[in-house]
Amino acid sequence: MKKTVQDENWERAKHLVNDSGFAQNVGIRLTRLEPGYCEGILKVEQKHRNPMGTVHGGVLYTLCDTICGVAGASFGGGGSTVQSSFNFLRPGRDGVITCRARVTKNGRQLIWVECVLTDEEERELCRGEFMYIQMPGIRHFGIEPDTVPGNTGPEREEKAAERPPLPRTAIRELPPKEEKEKGSHGKKRIT
């Protein structure tokens, strides 16, 4: 059977995550990869626990950063985390923790990815947003847009719509910014 581009990228991504030193030591396993979407798991072991007996926050963050990075690199680039926002919603305890990551914007230089961590009962443990900078000349793996059938036009949008959405438990709106009197430089200040 002839290997497809998706098969080759899956093998490269799986090797990058499952067999790399750090992710392998932590126990992260890649379970699903599509252009702009990735899933991975972590089976909770004693080494993942903090002194209170729950999963250490750094382990949860590492799982998210790794899986989000793979989702971002699925378009063919490579890069590095430049910013993240991460919210711990409830402690991780036992079993398998799943991370689902979805690219929300694939820009020319930056890639935005959001993720959610759930336990075996599908309860949200954490939610995060990560930003990666694309670094020219670095290519971990990735699906070339020109080589994926249906990766242009309406078919691409339909495929993206088929990806499972990340659950939304709360949407928070920021208050509008207020303009203050002119500062010493003669311009209005926004706070």
N, C-alpha and C. Protein backbone atom coordinates (compact mmCIF):
# COMPACT_ATOMS: atom_id res chain seq x y z
N MET A 1 0.84 -1.18 0.00
CA MET A 1 0.00 0.00 0.00
C MET A 1 0.89 1.24 0.00
N LYS A 2 0.59 2.19 -0.89
CA LYS A 2 1.37 3.40 -1.01
C LYS A 2 1.06 4.36 0.14
N LYS A 3 2.13 4.95 0.70
CA LYS A 3 1.94 5.90 1.79
C LYS A 3 1.51 7.25 1.24
N THR A 4 0.57 7.88 1.94
CA THR A 4 0.12 9.22 1.56
C THR A 4 0.93 10.26 2.32
N VAL A 5 0.75 11.51 1.93
CA VAL A 5 1.42 12.61 2.64
C VAL A 5 0.99 12.60 4.11
N GLN A 6 -0.30 12.35 4.35
CA GLN A 6 -0.79 12.33 5.73
C GLN A 6 -0.11 11.20 6.52
N ASP A 7 0.08 10.03 5.90
CA ASP A 7 0.75 8.92 6.57
C ASP A 7 2.18 9.29 6.95
N GLU A 8 2.90 9.91 6.01
CA GLU A 8 4.28 10.29 6.27
C GLU A 8 4.36 11.34 7.38
N ASN A 9 3.47 12.32 7.35
CA ASN A 9 3.47 13.34 8.39
C ASN A 9 3.10 12.76 9.75
N TRP A 10 2.16 11.82 9.76
CA TRP A 10 1.78 11.16 11.01
C TRP A 10 2.99 10.45 11.60
N GLU A 11 3.72 9.72 10.76
CA GLU A 11 4.90 8.99 11.24
C GLU A 11 5.96 9.94 11.79
N ARG A 12 6.22 11.05 11.07
CA ARG A 12 7.21 12.02 11.54
C ARG A 12 6.77 12.67 12.83
N ALA A 13 5.50 13.07 12.91
CA ALA A 13 4.99 13.73 14.12
C ALA A 13 5.00 12.77 15.30
N LYS A 14 4.58 11.53 15.04
CA LYS A 14 4.56 10.53 16.11
C LYS A 14 5.97 10.29 16.65
N HIS A 15 6.92 10.21 15.74
CA HIS A 15 8.31 10.02 16.17
C HIS A 15 8.80 11.24 16.94
N LEU A 16 8.48 12.44 16.45
CA LEU A 16 8.91 13.66 17.11
C LEU A 16 8.40 13.74 18.55
N VAL A 17 7.15 13.34 18.77
CA VAL A 17 6.56 13.44 20.10
C VAL A 17 6.82 12.17 20.92
N ASN A 18 6.40 11.03 20.40
CA ASN A 18 6.44 9.80 21.18
C ASN A 18 7.85 9.31 21.48
N ASP A 19 8.80 9.63 20.60
CA ASP A 19 10.16 9.10 20.79
C ASP A 19 11.18 10.16 21.17
N SER A 20 10.76 11.42 21.32
CA SER A 20 11.72 12.45 21.72
C SER A 20 12.00 12.31 23.21
N GLY A 21 13.17 12.70 23.63
CA GLY A 21 13.58 12.51 25.01
C GLY A 21 12.63 13.11 26.03
N PHE A 22 12.33 14.41 25.90
CA PHE A 22 11.53 15.08 26.92
C PHE A 22 10.09 14.57 26.94
N ALA A 23 9.42 14.59 25.79
CA ALA A 23 8.03 14.14 25.75
C ALA A 23 7.92 12.68 26.15
N GLN A 24 8.90 11.87 25.77
CA GLN A 24 8.89 10.46 26.14
C GLN A 24 9.05 10.30 27.65
N ASN A 25 9.94 11.09 28.25
CA ASN A 25 10.12 11.02 29.71
C ASN A 25 8.85 11.43 30.45
N VAL A 26 8.16 12.42 29.93
CA VAL A 26 6.92 12.86 30.56
C VAL A 26 5.82 11.83 30.35
N GLY A 27 5.80 11.17 29.19
CA GLY A 27 4.79 10.16 28.89
C GLY A 27 3.72 10.63 27.93
N ILE A 28 4.00 11.69 27.17
CA ILE A 28 3.03 12.23 26.22
C ILE A 28 2.99 11.32 24.99
N ARG A 29 1.78 11.01 24.54
CA ARG A 29 1.58 10.17 23.35
C ARG A 29 0.66 10.89 22.38
N LEU A 30 1.07 10.97 21.13
CA LEU A 30 0.26 11.57 20.08
C LEU A 30 -0.78 10.56 19.63
N THR A 31 -2.05 10.97 19.52
CA THR A 31 -3.11 10.04 19.13
C THR A 31 -3.85 10.41 17.85
N ARG A 32 -3.80 11.68 17.44
CA ARG A 32 -4.51 12.10 16.23
C ARG A 32 -3.87 13.35 15.67
N LEU A 33 -3.77 13.41 14.34
CA LEU A 33 -3.19 14.58 13.69
C LEU A 33 -3.87 14.82 12.36
N GLU A 34 -4.34 16.05 12.17
CA GLU A 34 -4.91 16.52 10.91
C GLU A 34 -4.34 17.92 10.70
N PRO A 35 -4.45 18.46 9.50
CA PRO A 35 -4.00 19.84 9.32
C PRO A 35 -4.75 20.79 10.25
N GLY A 36 -4.03 21.40 11.17
CA GLY A 36 -4.64 22.36 12.09
C GLY A 36 -5.29 21.77 13.32
N TYR A 37 -5.17 20.46 13.52
CA TYR A 37 -5.80 19.83 14.69
C TYR A 37 -4.92 18.68 15.17
N CYS A 38 -4.81 18.55 16.49
CA CYS A 38 -4.00 17.48 17.07
C CYS A 38 -4.59 17.05 18.40
N GLU A 39 -4.45 15.77 18.71
CA GLU A 39 -4.83 15.23 20.02
C GLU A 39 -3.67 14.41 20.57
N GLY A 40 -3.55 14.45 21.88
CA GLY A 40 -2.55 13.65 22.56
C GLY A 40 -3.03 13.29 23.95
N ILE A 41 -2.39 12.29 24.54
CA ILE A 41 -2.80 11.82 25.86
C ILE A 41 -1.60 11.70 26.80
N LEU A 42 -1.93 11.61 28.07
CA LEU A 42 -0.95 11.35 29.11
C LEU A 42 -1.61 10.45 30.13
N LYS A 43 -1.03 9.29 30.36
CA LYS A 43 -1.53 8.39 31.41
C LYS A 43 -0.87 8.81 32.72
N VAL A 44 -1.69 9.18 33.69
CA VAL A 44 -1.18 9.70 34.96
C VAL A 44 -0.45 8.60 35.72
N GLU A 45 0.78 8.92 36.13
CA GLU A 45 1.60 8.03 36.94
C GLU A 45 2.03 8.77 38.20
N GLN A 46 2.65 8.05 39.10
CA GLN A 46 3.10 8.66 40.36
C GLN A 46 4.08 9.80 40.11
N LYS A 47 4.92 9.67 39.09
CA LYS A 47 5.93 10.71 38.82
C LYS A 47 5.31 12.04 38.38
N HIS A 48 4.04 12.04 38.00
CA HIS A 48 3.37 13.26 37.55
C HIS A 48 2.72 14.03 38.69
N ARG A 49 2.72 13.48 39.88
CA ARG A 49 1.98 14.07 40.99
C ARG A 49 2.80 15.10 41.77
N ASN A 50 2.09 16.10 42.29
CA ASN A 50 2.71 17.08 43.18
C ASN A 50 2.56 16.59 44.62
N PRO A 51 3.06 17.33 45.61
CA PRO A 51 2.94 16.87 47.01
C PRO A 51 1.50 16.70 47.50
N MET A 52 0.53 17.34 46.84
CA MET A 52 -0.87 17.19 47.25
C MET A 52 -1.53 15.96 46.62
N GLY A 53 -0.81 15.25 45.76
CA GLY A 53 -1.35 14.04 45.16
C GLY A 53 -2.08 14.23 43.84
N THR A 54 -2.17 15.49 43.37
CA THR A 54 -2.80 15.74 42.07
C THR A 54 -1.71 15.90 41.01
N VAL A 55 -2.12 15.94 39.75
CA VAL A 55 -1.14 16.09 38.67
C VAL A 55 -0.53 17.49 38.74
N HIS A 56 0.79 17.55 38.69
CA HIS A 56 1.52 18.81 38.76
C HIS A 56 1.12 19.71 37.59
N GLY A 57 0.91 21.00 37.86
CA GLY A 57 0.53 21.95 36.83
C GLY A 57 1.52 22.03 35.68
N GLY A 58 2.78 21.85 35.96
CA GLY A 58 3.79 21.89 34.92
C GLY A 58 3.65 20.74 33.93
N VAL A 59 3.18 19.61 34.41
CA VAL A 59 2.95 18.45 33.54
C VAL A 59 1.78 18.75 32.61
N LEU A 60 0.72 19.33 33.15
CA LEU A 60 -0.45 19.67 32.34
C LEU A 60 -0.08 20.72 31.28
N TYR A 61 0.69 21.73 31.68
CA TYR A 61 1.13 22.76 30.76
C TYR A 61 2.01 22.15 29.65
N THR A 62 2.91 21.26 30.04
CA THR A 62 3.80 20.61 29.06
C THR A 62 3.01 19.82 28.04
N LEU A 63 1.99 19.09 28.50
CA LEU A 63 1.14 18.34 27.58
C LEU A 63 0.50 19.29 26.57
N CYS A 64 -0.05 20.39 27.05
CA CYS A 64 -0.71 21.37 26.16
C CYS A 64 0.28 22.00 25.19
N ASP A 65 1.41 22.45 25.69
CA ASP A 65 2.39 23.12 24.82
C ASP A 65 2.88 22.16 23.73
N THR A 66 3.08 20.91 24.07
CA THR A 66 3.55 19.93 23.10
C THR A 66 2.50 19.67 22.03
N ILE A 67 1.28 19.40 22.44
CA ILE A 67 0.22 19.07 21.47
C ILE A 67 -0.16 20.30 20.65
N CYS A 68 -0.21 21.48 21.26
CA CYS A 68 -0.48 22.70 20.50
C CYS A 68 0.63 22.97 19.49
N GLY A 69 1.87 22.72 19.88
CA GLY A 69 2.99 22.91 18.97
C GLY A 69 2.90 22.00 17.75
N VAL A 70 2.46 20.76 17.97
CA VAL A 70 2.29 19.83 16.85
C VAL A 70 1.16 20.30 15.94
N ALA A 71 0.06 20.76 16.53
CA ALA A 71 -1.05 21.28 15.72
C ALA A 71 -0.58 22.46 14.86
N GLY A 72 0.19 23.36 15.47
CA GLY A 72 0.71 24.50 14.73
C GLY A 72 1.68 24.10 13.64
N ALA A 73 2.51 23.11 13.88
CA ALA A 73 3.50 22.66 12.90
C ALA A 73 2.88 21.79 11.82
N SER A 74 1.62 21.41 11.98
CA SER A 74 0.99 20.51 11.01
C SER A 74 0.83 21.13 9.63
N PHE A 75 1.02 22.45 9.54
CA PHE A 75 0.92 23.11 8.24
C PHE A 75 2.25 23.16 7.52
N GLY A 76 3.30 22.65 8.13
CA GLY A 76 4.56 22.54 7.42
C GLY A 76 5.71 23.34 7.97
N GLY A 77 5.54 24.03 9.06
CA GLY A 77 6.64 24.83 9.58
C GLY A 77 7.19 24.28 10.87
N GLY A 78 7.97 25.08 11.49
CA GLY A 78 8.50 24.76 12.80
C GLY A 78 8.70 26.08 13.51
N GLY A 79 8.72 26.05 14.80
CA GLY A 79 8.87 27.30 15.50
C GLY A 79 9.00 27.10 16.99
N SER A 80 8.68 28.16 17.69
CA SER A 80 8.87 28.18 19.13
C SER A 80 7.71 28.94 19.79
N THR A 81 7.39 28.53 21.00
CA THR A 81 6.36 29.21 21.78
C THR A 81 6.84 30.61 22.14
N VAL A 82 6.01 31.62 21.87
CA VAL A 82 6.38 32.98 22.25
C VAL A 82 5.44 33.55 23.31
N GLN A 83 4.24 32.99 23.42
CA GLN A 83 3.30 33.49 24.43
C GLN A 83 2.27 32.41 24.71
N SER A 84 1.78 32.40 25.94
CA SER A 84 0.70 31.47 26.27
C SER A 84 -0.13 32.04 27.40
N SER A 85 -1.37 31.59 27.42
CA SER A 85 -2.28 31.90 28.50
C SER A 85 -2.88 30.57 28.91
N PHE A 86 -2.83 30.26 30.19
CA PHE A 86 -3.22 28.92 30.62
C PHE A 86 -4.05 29.02 31.89
N ASN A 87 -5.22 28.38 31.89
CA ASN A 87 -6.11 28.42 33.05
C ASN A 87 -6.33 27.02 33.59
N PHE A 88 -6.08 26.86 34.88
CA PHE A 88 -6.33 25.60 35.57
C PHE A 88 -7.75 25.66 36.13
N LEU A 89 -8.60 24.73 35.71
CA LEU A 89 -10.01 24.75 36.10
C LEU A 89 -10.33 23.76 37.21
N ARG A 90 -9.69 22.61 37.19
CA ARG A 90 -9.84 21.62 38.26
C ARG A 90 -8.61 20.72 38.24
N PRO A 91 -8.32 20.08 39.36
CA PRO A 91 -7.11 19.25 39.41
C PRO A 91 -7.24 17.95 38.62
N GLY A 92 -6.13 17.54 38.03
CA GLY A 92 -6.07 16.23 37.39
C GLY A 92 -5.74 15.20 38.45
N ARG A 93 -6.37 14.05 38.40
CA ARG A 93 -6.15 13.05 39.44
C ARG A 93 -5.60 11.74 38.89
N ASP A 94 -6.44 10.92 38.33
CA ASP A 94 -6.02 9.60 37.86
C ASP A 94 -6.47 9.38 36.42
N GLY A 95 -5.99 8.27 35.85
CA GLY A 95 -6.46 7.87 34.53
C GLY A 95 -5.69 8.52 33.41
N VAL A 96 -6.38 8.75 32.30
CA VAL A 96 -5.78 9.31 31.10
C VAL A 96 -6.30 10.74 30.91
N ILE A 97 -5.39 11.65 30.67
CA ILE A 97 -5.73 13.04 30.39
C ILE A 97 -5.55 13.26 28.89
N THR A 98 -6.55 13.86 28.26
CA THR A 98 -6.53 14.10 26.82
C THR A 98 -6.40 15.59 26.54
N CYS A 99 -5.54 15.93 25.59
CA CYS A 99 -5.40 17.31 25.13
C CYS A 99 -5.87 17.37 23.68
N ARG A 100 -6.76 18.31 23.41
CA ARG A 100 -7.24 18.57 22.05
C ARG A 100 -6.84 19.99 21.69
N ALA A 101 -6.12 20.14 20.57
CA ALA A 101 -5.62 21.45 20.16
C ALA A 101 -6.07 21.77 18.74
N ARG A 102 -6.44 23.03 18.53
CA ARG A 102 -6.94 23.46 17.23
C ARG A 102 -6.31 24.80 16.88
N VAL A 103 -5.79 24.91 15.66
CA VAL A 103 -5.23 26.17 15.18
C VAL A 103 -6.39 27.12 14.91
N THR A 104 -6.32 28.31 15.51
CA THR A 104 -7.35 29.31 15.28
C THR A 104 -6.92 30.34 14.25
N LYS A 105 -5.63 30.53 14.08
CA LYS A 105 -5.12 31.41 13.02
C LYS A 105 -3.72 30.97 12.66
N ASN A 106 -3.51 30.77 11.36
CA ASN A 106 -2.19 30.41 10.84
C ASN A 106 -1.70 31.59 10.02
N GLY A 107 -1.00 32.50 10.69
CA GLY A 107 -0.51 33.71 10.03
C GLY A 107 0.81 33.50 9.33
N ARG A 108 1.28 34.58 8.71
CA ARG A 108 2.55 34.50 7.97
C ARG A 108 3.71 34.26 8.92
N GLN A 109 3.69 34.87 10.10
CA GLN A 109 4.78 34.71 11.05
C GLN A 109 4.35 34.05 12.35
N LEU A 110 3.09 34.21 12.73
CA LEU A 110 2.61 33.68 14.01
C LEU A 110 1.47 32.70 13.80
N ILE A 111 1.41 31.72 14.70
CA ILE A 111 0.34 30.73 14.68
C ILE A 111 -0.32 30.75 16.05
N TRP A 112 -1.66 30.88 16.09
CA TRP A 112 -2.41 30.85 17.33
C TRP A 112 -3.12 29.51 17.44
N VAL A 113 -3.00 28.89 18.61
CA VAL A 113 -3.60 27.58 18.84
C VAL A 113 -4.31 27.61 20.19
N GLU A 114 -5.52 27.02 20.24
CA GLU A 114 -6.21 26.90 21.52
C GLU A 114 -6.34 25.42 21.85
N CYS A 115 -6.42 25.14 23.14
CA CYS A 115 -6.51 23.74 23.55
C CYS A 115 -7.38 23.60 24.79
N VAL A 116 -7.80 22.37 25.01
CA VAL A 116 -8.54 22.03 26.21
C VAL A 116 -8.03 20.66 26.68
N LEU A 117 -7.87 20.53 27.99
CA LEU A 117 -7.49 19.26 28.62
C LEU A 117 -8.70 18.69 29.33
N THR A 118 -8.96 17.41 29.12
CA THR A 118 -10.09 16.77 29.80
C THR A 118 -9.63 15.47 30.44
N ASP A 119 -10.38 15.06 31.46
CA ASP A 119 -10.10 13.76 32.08
C ASP A 119 -10.95 12.69 31.38
N GLU A 120 -10.95 11.49 31.92
CA GLU A 120 -11.67 10.38 31.28
C GLU A 120 -13.18 10.58 31.27
N GLU A 121 -13.70 11.39 32.17
CA GLU A 121 -15.13 11.69 32.19
C GLU A 121 -15.47 12.92 31.36
N GLU A 122 -14.50 13.42 30.55
CA GLU A 122 -14.66 14.60 29.70
C GLU A 122 -14.88 15.88 30.50
N ARG A 123 -14.45 15.90 31.76
CA ARG A 123 -14.49 17.15 32.53
C ARG A 123 -13.27 17.97 32.17
N GLU A 124 -13.48 19.27 31.97
CA GLU A 124 -12.36 20.15 31.63
C GLU A 124 -11.46 20.34 32.84
N LEU A 125 -10.16 20.13 32.61
CA LEU A 125 -9.17 20.36 33.65
C LEU A 125 -8.47 21.70 33.43
N CYS A 126 -8.15 21.99 32.18
CA CYS A 126 -7.42 23.20 31.83
C CYS A 126 -7.85 23.67 30.45
N ARG A 127 -7.56 24.92 30.20
CA ARG A 127 -7.81 25.52 28.88
C ARG A 127 -6.66 26.48 28.62
N GLY A 128 -6.18 26.48 27.39
CA GLY A 128 -5.04 27.34 27.09
C GLY A 128 -5.07 27.90 25.69
N GLU A 129 -4.32 28.97 25.52
CA GLU A 129 -4.09 29.57 24.21
C GLU A 129 -2.59 29.77 24.07
N PHE A 130 -2.06 29.35 22.95
CA PHE A 130 -0.62 29.42 22.72
C PHE A 130 -0.35 30.15 21.41
N MET A 131 0.75 30.89 21.36
CA MET A 131 1.19 31.56 20.14
C MET A 131 2.60 31.08 19.84
N TYR A 132 2.81 30.71 18.58
CA TYR A 132 4.11 30.21 18.13
C TYR A 132 4.61 31.10 17.01
N ILE A 133 5.92 31.34 16.99
CA ILE A 133 6.51 32.08 15.88
C ILE A 133 7.08 31.07 14.89
N GLN A 134 6.78 31.29 13.62
CA GLN A 134 7.32 30.42 12.59
C GLN A 134 8.76 30.84 12.32
N MET A 135 9.64 29.88 12.32
CA MET A 135 11.06 30.17 12.13
C MET A 135 11.49 29.63 10.77
N PRO A 136 11.89 30.52 9.85
CA PRO A 136 12.29 30.07 8.52
C PRO A 136 13.43 29.05 8.60
N GLY A 137 13.34 28.05 7.78
CA GLY A 137 14.39 27.04 7.72
C GLY A 137 14.19 25.89 8.69
N ILE A 138 13.23 26.00 9.61
CA ILE A 138 12.96 24.90 10.54
C ILE A 138 11.71 24.20 10.07
N ARG A 139 11.81 22.89 9.93
CA ARG A 139 10.66 22.11 9.49
C ARG A 139 10.67 20.81 10.28
N HIS A 140 9.77 20.69 11.23
CA HIS A 140 9.67 19.45 11.99
C HIS A 140 9.00 18.38 11.16
N PHE A 141 7.88 18.71 10.59
CA PHE A 141 7.06 17.86 9.75
C PHE A 141 5.96 18.78 9.27
N GLY A 142 5.02 18.29 8.55
CA GLY A 142 3.91 19.16 8.19
C GLY A 142 3.27 18.74 6.89
N ILE A 143 2.10 19.16 6.74
CA ILE A 143 1.31 18.81 5.58
C ILE A 143 1.37 20.00 4.63
N GLU A 144 1.97 19.81 3.49
CA GLU A 144 2.08 20.87 2.51
C GLU A 144 0.70 21.19 1.95
N PRO A 145 0.27 22.45 1.95
CA PRO A 145 -1.06 22.79 1.46
C PRO A 145 -1.31 22.30 0.04
N ASP A 146 -0.30 22.34 -0.85
CA ASP A 146 -0.50 21.95 -2.24
C ASP A 146 -0.63 20.44 -2.42
N THR A 147 -0.22 19.64 -1.43
CA THR A 147 -0.22 18.20 -1.61
C THR A 147 -1.39 17.51 -0.92
N VAL A 148 -2.21 18.26 -0.22
CA VAL A 148 -3.35 17.66 0.46
C VAL A 148 -4.59 17.82 -0.41
N PRO A 149 -5.19 16.72 -0.84
CA PRO A 149 -6.38 16.85 -1.66
C PRO A 149 -7.47 17.63 -0.92
N GLY A 150 -8.11 18.55 -1.62
CA GLY A 150 -9.21 19.31 -1.00
C GLY A 150 -8.75 20.35 -0.01
N ASN A 151 -7.48 20.77 -0.07
CA ASN A 151 -6.98 21.73 0.91
C ASN A 151 -7.10 23.17 0.40
N THR A 152 -7.96 23.39 -0.57
CA THR A 152 -8.21 24.75 -1.02
C THR A 152 -9.71 24.92 -1.21
N GLY A 153 -10.16 26.13 -1.15
CA GLY A 153 -11.55 26.44 -1.44
C GLY A 153 -12.53 25.92 -0.42
N PRO A 154 -13.79 25.74 -0.85
CA PRO A 154 -14.86 25.36 0.07
C PRO A 154 -14.64 24.00 0.73
N GLU A 155 -13.96 23.07 0.03
CA GLU A 155 -13.73 21.75 0.62
C GLU A 155 -12.90 21.86 1.89
N ARG A 156 -11.91 22.76 1.87
CA ARG A 156 -11.06 22.94 3.04
C ARG A 156 -11.89 23.46 4.21
N GLU A 157 -12.77 24.41 3.93
CA GLU A 157 -13.62 24.97 4.98
C GLU A 157 -14.57 23.92 5.53
N GLU A 158 -15.09 23.05 4.66
CA GLU A 158 -15.97 21.97 5.12
C GLU A 158 -15.22 21.02 6.02
N LYS A 159 -13.98 20.66 5.64
CA LYS A 159 -13.18 19.75 6.44
C LYS A 159 -12.89 20.38 7.81
N ALA A 160 -12.58 21.67 7.82
CA ALA A 160 -12.32 22.36 9.09
C ALA A 160 -13.58 22.37 9.95
N ALA A 161 -14.74 22.50 9.32
CA ALA A 161 -15.99 22.50 10.08
C ALA A 161 -16.28 21.13 10.68
N GLU A 162 -15.73 20.06 10.09
CA GLU A 162 -15.95 18.71 10.60
C GLU A 162 -15.13 18.42 11.85
N ARG A 163 -14.06 19.19 12.08
CA ARG A 163 -13.23 18.95 13.26
C ARG A 163 -14.07 19.17 14.50
N PRO A 164 -13.87 18.37 15.52
CA PRO A 164 -14.67 18.57 16.73
C PRO A 164 -14.35 19.91 17.37
N PRO A 165 -15.37 20.67 17.73
CA PRO A 165 -15.11 21.96 18.36
C PRO A 165 -14.62 21.76 19.79
N LEU A 166 -13.85 22.72 20.26
CA LEU A 166 -13.43 22.69 21.65
C LEU A 166 -14.61 23.18 22.48
N PRO A 167 -14.89 22.54 23.61
CA PRO A 167 -16.03 22.98 24.42
C PRO A 167 -15.81 24.37 24.97
N ARG A 168 -16.85 25.15 24.98
CA ARG A 168 -16.82 26.50 25.54
C ARG A 168 -17.67 26.50 26.80
N THR A 169 -17.05 26.72 27.94
CA THR A 169 -17.81 26.73 29.17
C THR A 169 -18.17 28.14 29.60
N ALA A 170 -17.37 29.10 29.20
CA ALA A 170 -17.67 30.48 29.57
C ALA A 170 -17.00 31.41 28.57
N ILE A 171 -17.70 32.44 28.18
CA ILE A 171 -17.13 33.45 27.30
C ILE A 171 -17.12 34.75 28.07
N ARG A 172 -15.97 35.35 28.15
CA ARG A 172 -15.80 36.56 28.94
C ARG A 172 -15.51 37.72 28.00
N GLU A 173 -16.25 38.81 28.17
CA GLU A 173 -15.99 39.99 27.37
C GLU A 173 -15.22 40.99 28.21
N LEU A 174 -14.23 41.62 27.59
CA LEU A 174 -13.45 42.64 28.27
C LEU A 174 -14.18 43.97 28.19
N PRO A 175 -14.10 44.77 29.25
CA PRO A 175 -14.75 46.08 29.20
C PRO A 175 -14.03 46.97 28.18
N PRO A 176 -14.75 47.93 27.58
CA PRO A 176 -14.10 48.81 26.59
C PRO A 176 -13.02 49.65 27.26
N LYS A 177 -11.98 49.97 26.48
CA LYS A 177 -10.90 50.80 27.01
C LYS A 177 -11.38 52.24 27.08
N GLU A 178 -10.94 52.92 28.12
CA GLU A 178 -11.35 54.31 28.33
C GLU A 178 -10.23 55.24 27.89
N GLU A 179 -10.62 56.35 27.28
CA GLU A 179 -9.64 57.37 26.92
C GLU A 179 -9.58 58.38 28.05
N LYS A 180 -8.37 58.77 28.43
CA LYS A 180 -8.17 59.76 29.48
C LYS A 180 -7.74 61.08 28.84
N GLU A 181 -7.66 62.08 29.67
CA GLU A 181 -7.21 63.40 29.20
C GLU A 181 -5.84 63.27 28.57
N LYS A 182 -5.50 64.30 27.80
CA LYS A 182 -4.21 64.31 27.13
C LYS A 182 -3.09 64.31 28.14
N GLY A 183 -2.06 63.54 27.85
CA GLY A 183 -0.88 63.47 28.72
C GLY A 183 0.08 64.60 28.40
N SER A 184 1.24 64.58 28.99
CA SER A 184 2.23 65.65 28.81
C SER A 184 2.74 65.73 27.39
N HIS A 185 2.59 64.64 26.61
CA HIS A 185 3.07 64.62 25.23
C HIS A 185 2.00 65.12 24.26
N GLY A 186 0.81 65.49 24.75
CA GLY A 186 -0.22 66.06 23.92
C GLY A 186 -1.13 65.07 23.24
N LYS A 187 -0.98 63.80 23.52
CA LYS A 187 -1.83 62.77 22.90
C LYS A 187 -2.71 62.13 23.96
N LYS A 188 -3.86 61.62 23.53
CA LYS A 188 -4.75 60.95 24.47
C LYS A 188 -4.13 59.63 24.91
N ARG A 189 -4.33 59.30 26.14
CA ARG A 189 -3.83 58.04 26.67
C ARG A 189 -4.98 57.05 26.74
N ILE A 190 -4.70 55.81 26.43
CA ILE A 190 -5.71 54.74 26.55
C ILE A 190 -5.27 53.82 27.65
N THR A 191 -6.17 53.54 28.58
CA THR A 191 -5.83 52.65 29.68
C THR A 191 -6.58 51.38 29.59
